[in-house]
Each structure stands twice: as structure tokens, then as C-alpha cells.
C-alpha atoms as a PDB file:
ATOM      1  CA  MET A   1     151.822 -92.302  88.092  1.00  0.00           C
ATOM      2  CA  SER A   2     150.732 -89.147  90.274  1.00  0.00           C
ATOM      3  CA  ARG A   3     151.234 -85.791  89.005  1.00  0.00           C
ATOM      4  CA  MET A   4     153.848 -83.519  90.689  1.00  0.00           C
ATOM      5  CA  PRO A   5     152.921 -79.718  90.767  1.00  0.00           C
ATOM      6  CA  LEU A   6     154.600 -77.506  88.468  1.00  0.00           C
ATOM      7  CA  THR A   7     156.578 -74.408  88.386  1.00  0.00           C
ATOM      8  CA  ARG A   8     157.368 -71.926  85.683  1.00  0.00           C
ATOM      9  CA  THR A   9     160.880 -71.339  85.712  1.00  0.00           C
ATOM     10  CA  ASN A  10     163.037 -69.367  83.175  1.00  0.00           C
ATOM     11  CA  LEU A  11     166.062 -70.973  81.964  1.00  0.00           C
ATOM     12  CA  LEU A  12     168.405 -69.374  78.669  1.00  0.00           C
ATOM     13  CA  LEU A  13     169.381 -72.496  76.578  1.00  0.00           C
ATOM     14  CA  GLU A  14     171.287 -72.930  73.494  1.00  0.00           C
ATOM     15  CA  VAL A  15     168.603 -73.201  70.877  1.00  0.00           C
ATOM     16  CA  GLY A  16     170.428 -76.190  68.577  1.00  0.00           C
ATOM     17  CA  LYS A  17     170.999 -78.355  71.977  1.00  0.00           C
ATOM     18  CA  VAL A  18     167.593 -77.756  72.624  1.00  0.00           C
ATOM     19  CA  ARG A  19     166.267 -78.960  69.354  1.00  0.00           C
ATOM     20  CA  ARG A  20     168.896 -81.990  69.406  1.00  0.00           C
ATOM     21  CA  LEU A  21     167.183 -82.832  72.684  1.00  0.00           C
ATOM     22  CA  ARG A  22     163.946 -83.103  71.329  1.00  0.00           C
ATOM     23  CA  LYS A  23     164.701 -84.633  68.534  1.00  0.00           C
ATOM     24  CA  ALA A  24     166.137 -87.620  70.737  1.00  0.00           C
ATOM     25  CA  LEU A  25     163.461 -88.179  73.172  1.00  0.00           C
ATOM     26  CA  ARG A  26     161.443 -87.459  70.496  1.00  0.00           C
ATOM     27  CA  SER A  27     159.374 -84.905  72.874  1.00  0.00           C
ATOM     28  CA  ARG A  28     156.446 -82.870  71.885  1.00  0.00           C
ATOM     29  CA  SER A  29     157.739 -79.586  73.863  1.00  0.00           C
ATOM     30  CA  ASN A  30     160.785 -77.958  75.457  1.00  0.00           C
ATOM     31  CA  SER A  31     159.416 -78.344  78.728  1.00  0.00           C
ATOM     32  CA  GLU A  32     159.040 -81.763  78.271  1.00  0.00           C
ATOM     33  CA  ALA A  33     162.274 -83.203  76.826  1.00  0.00           C
ATOM     34  CA  VAL A  34     163.901 -80.674  80.128  1.00  0.00           C
ATOM     35  CA  ARG A  35     161.587 -82.376  82.790  1.00  0.00           C
ATOM     36  CA  ARG A  36     162.516 -86.042  80.876  1.00  0.00           C
ATOM     37  CA  VAL A  37     166.512 -85.204  80.959  1.00  0.00           C
ATOM     38  CA  ILE A  38     165.855 -83.938  85.037  1.00  0.00           C
ATOM     39  CA  ASP A  39     164.033 -86.935  85.930  1.00  0.00           C
ATOM     40  CA  GLU A  40     166.384 -89.186  83.820  1.00  0.00           C
ATOM     41  CA  ARG A  41     169.609 -87.799  85.972  1.00  0.00           C
ATOM     42  CA  LEU A  42     168.024 -87.894  89.535  1.00  0.00           C
ATOM     43  CA  ALA A  43     167.392 -92.180  88.453  1.00  0.00           C
ATOM     44  CA  VAL A  44     171.074 -91.856  87.952  1.00  0.00           C
ATOM     45  CA  GLU A  45     172.114 -90.300  90.999  1.00  0.00           C
ATOM     46  CA  THR A  46     169.808 -92.190  93.229  1.00  0.00           C
ATOM     47  CA  GLY A  47     171.541 -95.506  91.488  1.00  0.00           C
ATOM     48  CA  LEU A  48     174.910 -94.324  92.362  1.00  0.00           C
ATOM     49  CA  GLU A  49     173.930 -93.528  95.167  1.00  0.00           C
ATOM     50  CA  ALA A  50     172.606 -97.349  96.190  1.00  0.00           C
ATOM     51  CA  LEU A  51     176.512 -98.339  94.494  1.00  0.00           C
ATOM     52  CA  ARG A  52     177.871 -96.281  97.385  1.00  0.00           C
ATOM     53  CA  SER A  53     176.157 -97.364  99.955  1.00  0.00           C
ATOM     54  CA  LEU A  54     176.558-101.223  98.649  1.00  0.00           C
ATOM     55  CA  ARG A  55     180.212-100.503  98.341  1.00  0.00           C
ATOM     56  CA  GLU A  56     180.119 -99.445 102.370  1.00  0.00           C
ATOM     57  CA  LEU A  57     178.290-102.921 103.385  1.00  0.00           C
ATOM     58  CA  GLY A  58     181.359-104.348 101.259  1.00  0.00           C
ATOM     59  CA  GLY A  59     180.316-104.989  98.113  1.00  0.00           C
ATOM     60  CA  PRO A  60     177.640-107.519  96.015  1.00  0.00           C
ATOM     61  CA  GLU A  61     178.092-111.582  97.260  1.00  0.00           C
ATOM     62  CA  ASP A  62     179.846-113.415  94.350  1.00  0.00           C
ATOM     63  CA  VAL A  63     177.871-116.528  94.412  1.00  0.00           C
ATOM     64  CA  PHE A  64     179.004-118.025  91.403  1.00  0.00           C
ATOM     65  CA  GLY A  65     182.829-116.941  92.170  1.00  0.00           C
ATOM     66  CA  ARG A  66     183.882-115.926  88.776  1.00  0.00           C
ATOM     67  CA  ALA A  67     184.753-112.370  89.879  1.00  0.00           C
ATOM     68  CA  PRO A  68     188.326-111.166  89.842  1.00  0.00           C
ATOM     69  CA  ALA A  69     190.098-111.199  93.507  1.00  0.00           C
ATOM     70  CA  LYS A  70     189.258-107.579  94.906  1.00  0.00           C
ATOM     71  CA  ARG A  71     191.941-105.089  94.832  1.00  0.00           C
ATOM     72  CA  ARG A  72     193.055-103.228  97.935  1.00  0.00           C
END
């Protein structure tokens, strides 16, 4: 994985929430935890955009005929 350039940014964050986030992610630092959450959210946005595009194309094809009828 290529390393993207980092920039220093000052954020005002609630200490308790950051502590809980670091514990949940087992991160070594606050910065690592925040970067990971940002990456995860961007991945979710990419997936949602792909689903929106698929919907615009008519949705996935039900090759097994098991999906309920489409509501319109």
C-alpha cells in the first residue's frame, strides 16, 4: 500500500469518545484511529455510490428468480 502524504490538522474532539474509539479499533494513537475511521467512511461512501449507479442501471439481475417483485 502506498503511503499518502499527511498533514497536521488541529481538531477539537471529546476525550472520552476518542478513548473509546482507540479501544474499539485497538489503535496506537488518536491520529491512527481518526485516519482509520475516515478511510472506513470513505469506503462506505464508495460502496453507496456504486449501489446508486447500479440502481440507475436497473439494479442487479435476479438470475435465480428468488427476489420479491419490484415495487414501483
